[in-house]
Each structure stands twice: as C-alpha cells, then as structure tokens.
Amino acid sequence: MKNSRGRPAEVFAAFLKLGLTSFGGPIAHLGYFRKELVERRKWVSESQFSQLLAICQFLPGPASSQLGFSLGLARAGWLGGLAAFIAFTLPSALLLIGFASLLPALSGPVGEAATHGLKIVAFAVVADAVLGMSKKLCPDIQRATIAILSAGVLLVVGNAWIQLLVVIGGAIAGIYLCRGGATQTDSQIPIHYGRKLGGILLLLFFGLLAGLPLFSTQNASLISMAEAFYRAGALVFGGGHVVLPLLEDSVVSSGWITSETFLAGYGASQAIPGPVFAFSAYLGVVTPTGHNEWLGASIALIFMFMPGFLLVAGVLPFWRAISHNTAVARAVAGVNAAVVGLLAAALYDPIFISAIQSGADMAIGIVAFAMLFVWRLSAIAVVVWSVVASILIVLV
C-alpha cells in the first residue's frame, strides 16, 4: 500500500482516464475510483478510501467529485486535488458545452442502445465494488449485519436524508458492536495541512454562502449566477440528480432560460461520463449574462463545485486528529459497513432496475462483471464490450 507523496501530473493522468470512462452516475463513480486507485494503483488503503467516502456522504455537495478531490489532495497535495477535479470534470464539461453536436449521435435505436450499454457498465462496476468492499469491510457477523440492515432500510425508504441517517446509524452501531475495531496502521488519511487552515476553509465556505447573496440580483449576471450555483452546491445532500430542483429554481423560475433548454441539457448529461454537476457548465453557456460563453461556463462550474470542496478540505484535518481514538475507530468500522450496504442498495435501485431489462442485458452484465472481477480487465474494455454488445442486439 502506497502512501508516498505523488505528483500532480500522475493524479491528472489517472483522473483524466476516469473522467473519460466513468459512466453511470455518482454511485458508479465510487466503483471506478476504488478499482483504479485502491486496487490497481494502491494510492490509499481500503480503510482510507472508505473513510473518505463516509466523510463525503456526510457533507453536502457532489459526493463522487468530493471523493475524487480528496483522493487527489491526499496523493499530491493541493495541486493534486486541483488536478483531480479538472481532469475528472473537464471531459464531461466540454461535451456538455458542445452538446448540440452530441445529441444527434445519441438519437435513434443505435444511440439509445449505446446509452443503455453504459448503464450495464455501471451495473458491473458497482457489483464488483460491492463484492470487493464487503470482503474487506464486513469480515465478521457484526459488520455484515450492519451492511445488510443498512441496505434493507435504503431499499424500503430511499432518499438522500435516509442515506445520511443510515451512515450515522452505522457509526452508532459500530461503537457498540465492532469491539474488535482498532486503528489500523494504514487507516490515517495522508493530509499534509493542519486544523488552522481547515478552520479557515470552513469560515470561507460559510462566508461565501452568506456574502454572495448581498451582491446578487434577479438579473442573469455573472455574480448572480455565481451565487445561484454556489447556493445549490452548498445546500444539496445526495449530490447528482438531487441538485436539479435547486438549479431549475435558480435558472428557470427566475426566467434566465426556458424549461425546454434546461431539460435538453440535462438529457445530454445522462449519456456522458463524469460528474452530473458538470451540467452546470452547460447552464453557464446558455444563461444570457452578456459575457463570453466560456466565462459563463467557467463561473458556473467553479461555483457549483467550490462549496463541496471547501467543506471536505476543511473537515479532513479535524477528522484526522480524532480518527485514532478507539471509539472513533469502532464508529468508522460501522460506517464502513453501512457504506457497503448503501452501495448494495444502489446496485439494485437505481442501477439494476434501469440497466437490466431483459435476459440479454443480464448476459451482457454477467460477462462485464467477469471482465472486472475474474479476468481483471480495465474499465475501458468493459465499456467497449457492453456498448458494442448492446448495439449488436438491436441490429441483429
């Protein structure tokens, strides 16, 4: 297990690959990250990865992008975190900015089959992640029970707030049930700054949340757009699709763009890799601020992601300071188990029920899973197989 300091260029290359191949939405992204950075590159241990994931689940913002930023930060410092964000987000942002030329390629039976194949990729990736994480994070009856109960609760009552409560419940259960939990030598998250800077970042988060509205107006200006996107990114729990009502209220209800324009861009965002929050780049282009479209896209993108990054970067040094405590270590063990349950629930809903709609889909999914879990092939190979097989079924 490597914990040595890496290079920003190394982080950029790894996350650019992820940004080009991570189809399937936020939950699937977690599987891609684990496969590439825990199993293949061994940048962090399973324990470190699960702690970062739990922290990002607790905080508002785009959980998968916060996790990617944190992994880059831990690997190569601030430049590493920035490199991870840019590389993971840039492909989807550029595709959404040019979505008008992308939409024709995604129309018709062949395009729909290709898009459906990408959903099967997500099924294989998350199934591989659930199985791999369960072996390491749920090695005993107590933790397996926490995972099973967490999955059951989420399948019965599934929303962002329940996810948060399940993670908290996992922590409480871990304190009482995971008596064998202890701080592992590889469990400390390698963050290279202290609580003073962490506190400053948290103050900056709240300062911008309170201060930006003072300069915002109802008109579609750059400062108004910055405030709207910062507020959406700061107040949303669950990430991804949960942010859409907040964004729609800001840009459609205020009269900046039409509902048709909004939904067209959202539709395009479902067929590309990378974070759903990159949808903000498209909205920045189509919002008429009177400035250059690329400037609008940049403002929207930066202020959409900024609050989540400020929060996770501010919290990490405080977490590191308490994570060695025995009770905290037990809580972490419980949280890890709950996160496995969260992923297991997501594997069924929404991933399985949207991706596996026929026996042919199941056959493609089984082969895709075997490519990852048995034959240890790359995610790129799984994408190619799932898309090509789905298209062939339509054409034959």
Protein backbone atom coordinates (compact mmCIF):
# COMPACT_ATOMS: atom_id res chain seq x y z
CA MET A 1 0.00 0.00 0.00
CA LYS A 2 1.49 3.27 -1.14
CA ASN A 3 1.16 6.39 0.95
CA SER A 4 4.17 8.18 -0.54
CA ARG A 5 3.61 11.65 -1.94
CA GLY A 6 2.70 11.55 -5.62
CA ARG A 7 2.93 14.09 -8.43
CA PRO A 8 0.07 16.28 -9.71
CA ALA A 9 0.76 15.08 -13.26
CA GLU A 10 0.28 11.49 -12.09
CA VAL A 11 -3.04 12.45 -10.49
CA PHE A 12 -4.14 14.33 -13.61
CA ALA A 13 -3.44 11.34 -15.86
CA ALA A 14 -5.29 8.91 -13.58
CA PHE A 15 -8.37 11.11 -13.25
CA LEU A 16 -8.44 12.02 -16.93
CA LYS A 17 -8.79 8.31 -17.66
CA LEU A 18 -11.59 8.15 -15.07
CA GLY A 19 -13.24 11.27 -16.48
CA LEU A 20 -13.34 9.69 -19.94
CA THR A 21 -14.63 6.28 -18.85
CA SER A 22 -16.69 6.74 -15.65
CA PHE A 23 -20.22 6.26 -16.96
CA GLY A 24 -23.23 5.52 -14.81
CA GLY A 25 -23.58 8.38 -12.34
CA PRO A 26 -22.24 9.11 -8.84
CA ILE A 27 -22.62 5.65 -7.29
CA ALA A 28 -20.87 4.02 -10.24
CA HIS A 29 -18.04 6.56 -9.94
CA LEU A 30 -17.23 5.23 -6.49
CA GLY A 31 -16.69 1.82 -8.01
CA TYR A 32 -14.44 3.22 -10.72
CA PHE A 33 -12.37 5.12 -8.14
CA ARG A 34 -11.95 2.07 -5.96
CA LYS A 35 -10.96 -0.16 -8.88
CA GLU A 36 -8.39 2.27 -10.24
CA LEU A 37 -6.97 3.94 -7.13
CA VAL A 38 -7.32 1.33 -4.37
CA GLU A 39 -6.95 -1.96 -6.20
CA ARG A 40 -4.81 -1.04 -9.21
CA ARG A 41 -2.66 1.92 -8.17
CA LYS A 42 -2.86 1.35 -4.38
CA TRP A 43 -2.75 5.08 -3.62
CA VAL A 44 -4.85 4.57 -0.48
CA SER A 45 -5.92 1.58 1.58
CA GLU A 46 -9.45 0.20 1.68
CA SER A 47 -9.85 1.79 5.14
CA GLN A 48 -8.67 5.22 3.97
CA PHE A 49 -10.90 5.06 0.91
CA SER A 50 -13.96 4.11 2.96
CA GLN A 51 -13.29 6.89 5.49
CA LEU A 52 -13.07 9.48 2.72
CA LEU A 53 -16.23 8.09 1.17
CA ALA A 54 -18.09 8.26 4.50
CA ILE A 55 -16.99 11.87 5.07
CA CYS A 56 -18.17 12.87 1.60
CA GLN A 57 -21.51 11.12 2.23
CA PHE A 58 -21.96 13.16 5.42
CA LEU A 59 -21.33 16.52 3.74
CA PRO A 60 -23.49 18.39 1.24
CA GLY A 61 -22.19 18.57 -2.31
CA PRO A 62 -21.28 16.16 -5.13
CA ALA A 63 -20.05 13.13 -3.17
CA SER A 64 -18.16 11.44 -6.02
CA SER A 65 -16.38 14.64 -7.05
CA GLN A 66 -15.58 15.44 -3.40
CA LEU A 67 -14.13 11.95 -3.06
CA GLY A 68 -12.04 12.40 -6.21
CA PHE A 69 -10.79 15.78 -4.99
CA SER A 70 -9.92 14.28 -1.59
CA LEU A 71 -8.04 11.38 -3.19
CA GLY A 72 -6.03 13.81 -5.32
CA LEU A 73 -5.41 16.00 -2.26
CA ALA A 74 -4.17 13.04 -0.23
CA ARG A 75 -1.96 11.84 -3.07
CA ALA A 76 -0.29 15.06 -4.21
CA GLY A 77 -1.40 17.98 -2.04
CA TRP A 78 -3.42 20.96 -3.24
CA LEU A 79 -2.19 20.71 -6.82
CA GLY A 80 -3.19 17.06 -6.75
CA GLY A 81 -6.72 17.93 -5.62
CA LEU A 82 -6.99 20.58 -8.34
CA ALA A 83 -5.63 18.16 -10.94
CA ALA A 84 -8.17 15.52 -9.92
CA PHE A 85 -11.05 17.99 -10.20
CA ILE A 86 -10.01 19.38 -13.59
CA ALA A 87 -9.19 16.01 -15.16
CA PHE A 88 -12.34 14.27 -13.91
CA THR A 89 -14.69 17.13 -14.78
CA LEU A 90 -13.21 18.56 -17.99
CA PRO A 91 -14.34 15.83 -20.44
CA SER A 92 -17.99 15.97 -19.36
CA ALA A 93 -17.97 19.77 -19.16
CA LEU A 94 -16.61 20.10 -22.71
CA LEU A 95 -19.11 17.56 -24.02
CA LEU A 96 -21.98 19.42 -22.38
CA ILE A 97 -20.80 22.76 -23.72
CA GLY A 98 -20.88 21.24 -27.19
CA PHE A 99 -23.97 19.11 -26.50
CA ALA A 100 -25.80 20.32 -29.64
CA SER A 101 -23.41 18.35 -31.81
CA LEU A 102 -23.55 15.37 -29.44
CA LEU A 103 -27.32 14.90 -29.34
CA PRO A 104 -27.76 13.65 -32.94
CA ALA A 105 -25.28 10.86 -32.27
CA LEU A 106 -27.37 9.72 -29.30
CA SER A 107 -30.71 9.68 -31.11
CA GLY A 108 -32.34 6.71 -32.76
CA PRO A 109 -32.21 3.00 -31.86
CA VAL A 110 -28.42 2.67 -32.13
CA GLY A 111 -27.78 5.70 -29.91
CA GLU A 112 -30.31 4.51 -27.36
CA ALA A 113 -28.72 1.05 -27.33
CA ALA A 114 -25.29 2.58 -26.76
CA THR A 115 -26.61 4.65 -23.86
CA HIS A 116 -28.26 1.56 -22.39
CA GLY A 117 -24.97 -0.32 -22.69
CA LEU A 118 -23.35 2.31 -20.50
CA LYS A 119 -25.94 1.58 -17.80
CA ILE A 120 -24.88 -2.07 -17.90
CA VAL A 121 -21.28 -0.93 -17.39
CA ALA A 122 -22.41 0.83 -14.21
CA PHE A 123 -24.08 -2.39 -13.03
CA ALA A 124 -20.86 -4.40 -13.50
CA VAL A 125 -18.64 -1.77 -11.86
CA VAL A 126 -20.81 -1.31 -8.77
CA ALA A 127 -21.33 -5.08 -8.38
CA ASP A 128 -17.56 -5.54 -8.42
CA ALA A 129 -17.13 -2.76 -5.85
CA VAL A 130 -19.80 -4.16 -3.50
CA LEU A 131 -18.28 -7.64 -3.57
CA GLY A 132 -14.72 -6.41 -3.13
CA MET A 133 -15.52 -3.94 -0.35
CA SER A 134 -17.72 -6.38 1.54
CA LYS A 135 -14.88 -8.88 1.85
CA LYS A 136 -12.59 -6.32 3.48
CA LEU A 137 -15.02 -4.06 5.33
CA CYS A 138 -17.54 -6.66 6.54
CA PRO A 139 -15.32 -9.56 7.69
CA ASP A 140 -17.45 -10.54 10.70
CA ILE A 141 -21.10 -11.08 11.61
CA GLN A 142 -21.48 -7.69 13.32
CA ARG A 143 -20.37 -5.64 10.35
CA ALA A 144 -22.16 -7.87 7.85
CA THR A 145 -25.35 -7.33 9.86
CA ILE A 146 -24.89 -3.54 9.78
CA ALA A 147 -24.43 -3.71 5.99
CA ILE A 148 -27.49 -5.90 5.46
CA LEU A 149 -29.74 -3.75 7.66
CA SER A 150 -28.46 -0.57 6.00
CA ALA A 151 -29.23 -1.95 2.56
CA GLY A 152 -32.68 -3.06 3.70
CA VAL A 153 -33.59 0.35 5.10
CA LEU A 154 -32.40 2.13 1.96
CA LEU A 155 -34.30 -0.21 -0.34
CA VAL A 156 -37.53 0.39 1.59
CA VAL A 157 -37.09 4.16 2.15
CA GLY A 158 -34.56 5.51 -0.30
CA ASN A 159 -33.70 9.22 -0.36
CA ALA A 160 -30.73 11.44 0.41
CA TRP A 161 -31.73 12.12 4.02
CA ILE A 162 -32.21 8.43 4.77
CA GLN A 163 -28.74 7.75 3.35
CA LEU A 164 -27.31 10.26 5.81
CA LEU A 165 -29.23 8.73 8.73
CA VAL A 166 -28.09 5.22 7.75
CA VAL A 167 -24.44 6.32 7.78
CA ILE A 168 -24.95 7.93 11.22
CA GLY A 169 -26.70 4.77 12.42
CA GLY A 170 -23.77 2.71 11.18
CA ALA A 171 -21.40 4.83 13.24
CA ILE A 172 -23.50 4.40 16.40
CA ALA A 173 -23.87 0.65 15.84
CA GLY A 174 -20.13 0.37 15.23
CA ILE A 175 -19.31 1.89 18.62
CA TYR A 176 -21.31 -0.80 20.41
CA LEU A 177 -20.90 -3.79 18.10
CA CYS A 178 -17.48 -3.52 16.49
CA ARG A 179 -15.45 -4.22 19.61
CA GLY A 180 -12.62 -5.61 17.54
CA GLY A 181 -12.30 -2.36 15.67
CA ALA A 182 -9.00 -0.66 16.25
CA THR A 183 -6.93 1.93 14.49
CA GLN A 184 -5.03 0.26 11.70
CA THR A 185 -1.56 1.32 10.66
CA ASP A 186 -2.83 2.19 7.19
CA SER A 187 -6.03 3.96 8.29
CA GLN A 188 -4.69 7.50 8.78
CA ILE A 189 -5.63 9.73 5.84
CA PRO A 190 -2.43 11.36 4.49
CA ILE A 191 -3.41 15.04 4.65
CA HIS A 192 -0.46 17.47 4.76
CA TYR A 193 -2.00 20.53 6.44
CA GLY A 194 -3.43 21.31 9.85
CA ARG A 195 -6.61 22.32 11.61
CA LYS A 196 -5.85 26.04 11.39
CA LEU A 197 -6.08 26.01 7.60
CA GLY A 198 -9.06 23.66 7.85
CA GLY A 199 -10.86 26.19 10.04
CA ILE A 200 -10.11 28.99 7.57
CA LEU A 201 -11.59 26.94 4.72
CA LEU A 202 -14.76 26.29 6.73
CA LEU A 203 -15.10 30.00 7.52
CA LEU A 204 -14.64 30.77 3.82
CA PHE A 205 -17.42 28.30 2.97
CA PHE A 206 -19.90 29.99 5.31
CA GLY A 207 -18.65 33.47 4.41
CA LEU A 208 -19.36 32.96 0.70
CA LEU A 209 -22.73 31.36 1.45
CA ALA A 210 -23.78 34.41 3.47
CA GLY A 211 -21.95 37.06 1.45
CA LEU A 212 -22.71 36.27 -2.20
CA PRO A 213 -26.48 36.96 -1.86
CA LEU A 214 -25.65 40.53 -0.83
CA PHE A 215 -24.34 41.23 -4.34
CA SER A 216 -26.82 39.11 -6.31
CA THR A 217 -29.79 40.42 -8.28
CA GLN A 218 -32.71 38.86 -10.18
CA ASN A 219 -30.97 39.58 -13.47
CA ALA A 220 -28.77 37.00 -15.19
CA SER A 221 -25.38 38.49 -14.32
CA LEU A 222 -22.13 36.69 -13.55
CA ILE A 223 -22.35 37.47 -9.82
CA SER A 224 -26.00 36.33 -9.70
CA MET A 225 -25.05 33.12 -11.47
CA ALA A 226 -22.11 32.57 -9.09
CA GLU A 227 -24.44 32.98 -6.10
CA ALA A 228 -27.09 30.66 -7.52
CA PHE A 229 -24.67 27.86 -8.31
CA TYR A 230 -22.75 28.23 -5.04
CA ARG A 231 -26.01 28.03 -3.08
CA ALA A 232 -27.10 24.93 -4.98
CA GLY A 233 -23.77 23.20 -4.40
CA ALA A 234 -23.72 24.16 -0.72
CA LEU A 235 -27.23 23.08 0.25
CA VAL A 236 -27.77 19.82 -1.62
CA PHE A 237 -27.41 16.45 0.12
CA GLY A 238 -27.15 13.37 -2.05
CA GLY A 239 -25.45 15.09 -4.96
CA GLY A 240 -26.09 14.29 -8.60
CA HIS A 241 -29.74 14.40 -9.57
CA VAL A 242 -30.84 15.85 -6.20
CA VAL A 243 -29.35 19.22 -7.20
CA LEU A 244 -31.63 19.57 -10.24
CA PRO A 245 -34.63 21.14 -8.44
CA LEU A 246 -32.35 23.76 -6.89
CA LEU A 247 -30.77 24.57 -10.24
CA GLU A 248 -34.11 24.67 -12.02
CA ASP A 249 -35.47 27.05 -9.42
CA SER A 250 -32.47 29.34 -9.93
CA VAL A 251 -32.23 29.45 -13.71
CA VAL A 252 -35.72 28.54 -14.97
CA SER A 253 -38.08 30.01 -12.37
CA SER A 254 -36.06 33.24 -12.43
CA GLY A 255 -36.59 33.46 -16.20
CA TRP A 256 -32.94 33.14 -17.22
CA ILE A 257 -33.57 30.17 -19.54
CA THR A 258 -36.58 28.11 -20.62
CA SER A 259 -37.57 24.75 -19.17
CA GLU A 260 -37.02 23.14 -22.60
CA THR A 261 -33.43 24.41 -22.72
CA PHE A 262 -32.82 23.18 -19.20
CA LEU A 263 -34.19 19.68 -19.86
CA ALA A 264 -32.32 19.34 -23.16
CA GLY A 265 -29.00 19.85 -21.41
CA TYR A 266 -29.98 17.50 -18.59
CA GLY A 267 -30.83 14.81 -21.12
CA ALA A 268 -27.41 15.15 -22.71
CA SER A 269 -25.72 14.90 -19.30
CA GLN A 270 -27.14 11.39 -18.84
CA ALA A 271 -25.20 9.97 -21.79
CA ILE A 272 -21.68 11.12 -20.96
CA PRO A 273 -19.05 10.14 -18.39
CA GLY A 274 -18.06 12.18 -15.36
CA PRO A 275 -19.99 14.10 -12.70
CA VAL A 276 -23.63 15.15 -13.10
CA PHE A 277 -22.68 18.52 -11.57
CA ALA A 278 -20.81 19.26 -14.83
CA PHE A 279 -24.31 20.08 -16.11
CA SER A 280 -23.58 23.50 -14.59
CA ALA A 281 -21.11 24.23 -17.42
CA TYR A 282 -23.91 23.87 -19.97
CA LEU A 283 -26.18 26.14 -17.93
CA GLY A 284 -23.39 28.72 -17.74
CA VAL A 285 -23.19 28.77 -21.54
CA VAL A 286 -26.94 29.12 -22.24
CA THR A 287 -27.59 31.70 -19.49
CA PRO A 288 -27.53 35.14 -21.17
CA THR A 289 -25.18 37.15 -18.94
CA GLY A 290 -23.87 39.36 -21.75
CA HIS A 291 -20.35 37.96 -21.32
CA ASN A 292 -18.28 35.37 -23.16
CA GLU A 293 -19.92 31.92 -23.05
CA TRP A 294 -16.71 30.26 -21.86
CA LEU A 295 -16.53 32.71 -18.97
CA GLY A 296 -20.11 31.89 -18.03
CA ALA A 297 -19.38 28.16 -18.17
CA SER A 298 -16.28 28.58 -16.01
CA ILE A 299 -18.08 30.66 -13.37
CA ALA A 300 -20.96 28.19 -13.15
CA LEU A 301 -18.65 25.18 -12.96
CA ILE A 302 -16.29 26.65 -10.35
CA PHE A 303 -19.01 27.92 -8.02
CA MET A 304 -21.01 24.70 -8.37
CA PHE A 305 -18.14 22.57 -7.07
CA MET A 306 -16.43 25.08 -4.76
CA PRO A 307 -18.62 24.71 -1.64
CA GLY A 308 -18.29 20.92 -1.56
CA PHE A 309 -14.51 21.13 -1.92
CA LEU A 310 -14.18 23.82 0.76
CA LEU A 311 -16.21 21.68 3.15
CA VAL A 312 -14.36 18.41 2.65
CA ALA A 313 -10.94 20.09 2.71
CA GLY A 314 -11.91 21.96 5.88
CA VAL A 315 -13.18 18.86 7.67
CA LEU A 316 -10.32 16.46 6.79
CA PRO A 317 -7.68 17.74 9.26
CA PHE A 318 -10.21 17.68 12.12
CA TRP A 319 -11.17 14.13 11.19
CA ARG A 320 -7.54 13.09 11.07
CA ALA A 321 -7.00 14.49 14.57
CA ILE A 322 -9.71 12.29 16.12
CA SER A 323 -9.63 9.19 13.93
CA HIS A 324 -7.00 7.44 16.12
CA ASN A 325 -9.43 7.30 19.06
CA THR A 326 -10.68 3.75 19.84
CA ALA A 327 -14.35 4.75 19.89
CA VAL A 328 -13.91 6.64 16.62
CA ALA A 329 -12.18 3.61 15.09
CA ARG A 330 -15.19 1.47 16.04
CA ALA A 331 -17.53 4.08 14.60
CA VAL A 332 -15.50 4.09 11.37
CA ALA A 333 -15.84 0.30 11.18
CA GLY A 334 -19.61 0.68 11.48
CA VAL A 335 -19.69 3.46 8.90
CA ASN A 336 -17.64 1.34 6.50
CA ALA A 337 -20.18 -1.46 6.82
CA ALA A 338 -23.08 0.96 6.32
CA VAL A 339 -21.42 2.31 3.17
CA VAL A 340 -21.23 -1.23 1.79
CA GLY A 341 -24.97 -1.51 2.45
CA LEU A 342 -25.53 1.84 0.72
CA LEU A 343 -23.69 0.64 -2.38
CA ALA A 344 -25.54 -2.69 -2.32
CA ALA A 345 -28.90 -0.89 -2.21
CA ALA A 346 -27.86 1.40 -5.06
CA LEU A 347 -26.78 -1.65 -7.07
CA TYR A 348 -30.42 -2.68 -7.16
CA ASP A 349 -32.08 0.75 -7.28
CA PRO A 350 -31.47 2.64 -9.48
CA ILE A 351 -28.73 0.70 -11.29
CA PHE A 352 -30.08 -2.84 -11.76
CA ILE A 353 -33.71 -1.87 -12.39
CA SER A 354 -32.70 0.61 -15.11
CA ALA A 355 -29.86 -1.38 -16.70
CA ILE A 356 -31.11 -5.00 -16.70
CA GLN A 357 -34.36 -5.15 -18.63
CA SER A 358 -34.00 -8.48 -20.43
CA GLY A 359 -32.15 -11.76 -20.41
CA ALA A 360 -29.75 -10.35 -22.99
CA ASP A 361 -28.95 -7.42 -20.70
CA MET A 362 -28.27 -9.85 -17.87
CA ALA A 363 -25.94 -11.88 -20.08
CA ILE A 364 -24.01 -8.76 -21.09
CA GLY A 365 -23.85 -7.67 -17.45
CA ILE A 366 -22.53 -11.05 -16.25
CA VAL A 367 -19.74 -11.00 -18.84
CA ALA A 368 -18.93 -7.38 -17.96
CA PHE A 369 -18.74 -8.30 -14.28
CA ALA A 370 -16.48 -11.26 -15.06
CA MET A 371 -14.20 -8.98 -17.08
CA LEU A 372 -13.65 -6.91 -13.94
CA PHE A 373 -13.81 -9.44 -11.11
CA VAL A 374 -12.46 -12.62 -12.72
CA TRP A 375 -10.27 -11.57 -15.63
CA ARG A 376 -9.18 -8.23 -14.11
CA LEU A 377 -9.58 -6.29 -17.35
CA SER A 378 -9.77 -2.49 -17.47
CA ALA A 379 -12.98 -0.48 -17.29
CA ILE A 380 -12.36 0.68 -20.87
CA ALA A 381 -12.66 -2.92 -22.08
CA VAL A 382 -15.91 -3.28 -20.14
CA VAL A 383 -17.30 -0.09 -21.74
CA VAL A 384 -16.42 -1.31 -25.24
CA TRP A 385 -17.94 -4.77 -24.64
CA SER A 386 -21.18 -3.50 -23.09
CA VAL A 387 -21.83 -0.82 -25.72
CA VAL A 388 -20.93 -2.98 -28.74
CA ALA A 389 -22.95 -5.95 -27.44
CA SER A 390 -25.99 -3.74 -26.76
CA ILE A 391 -25.82 -2.26 -30.28
CA LEU A 392 -25.44 -5.67 -31.91
CA ILE A 393 -28.55 -6.96 -30.14
CA VAL A 394 -30.54 -4.06 -31.62
CA LEU A 395 -29.14 -4.53 -35.11
CA VAL A 396 -29.43 -8.31 -35.30
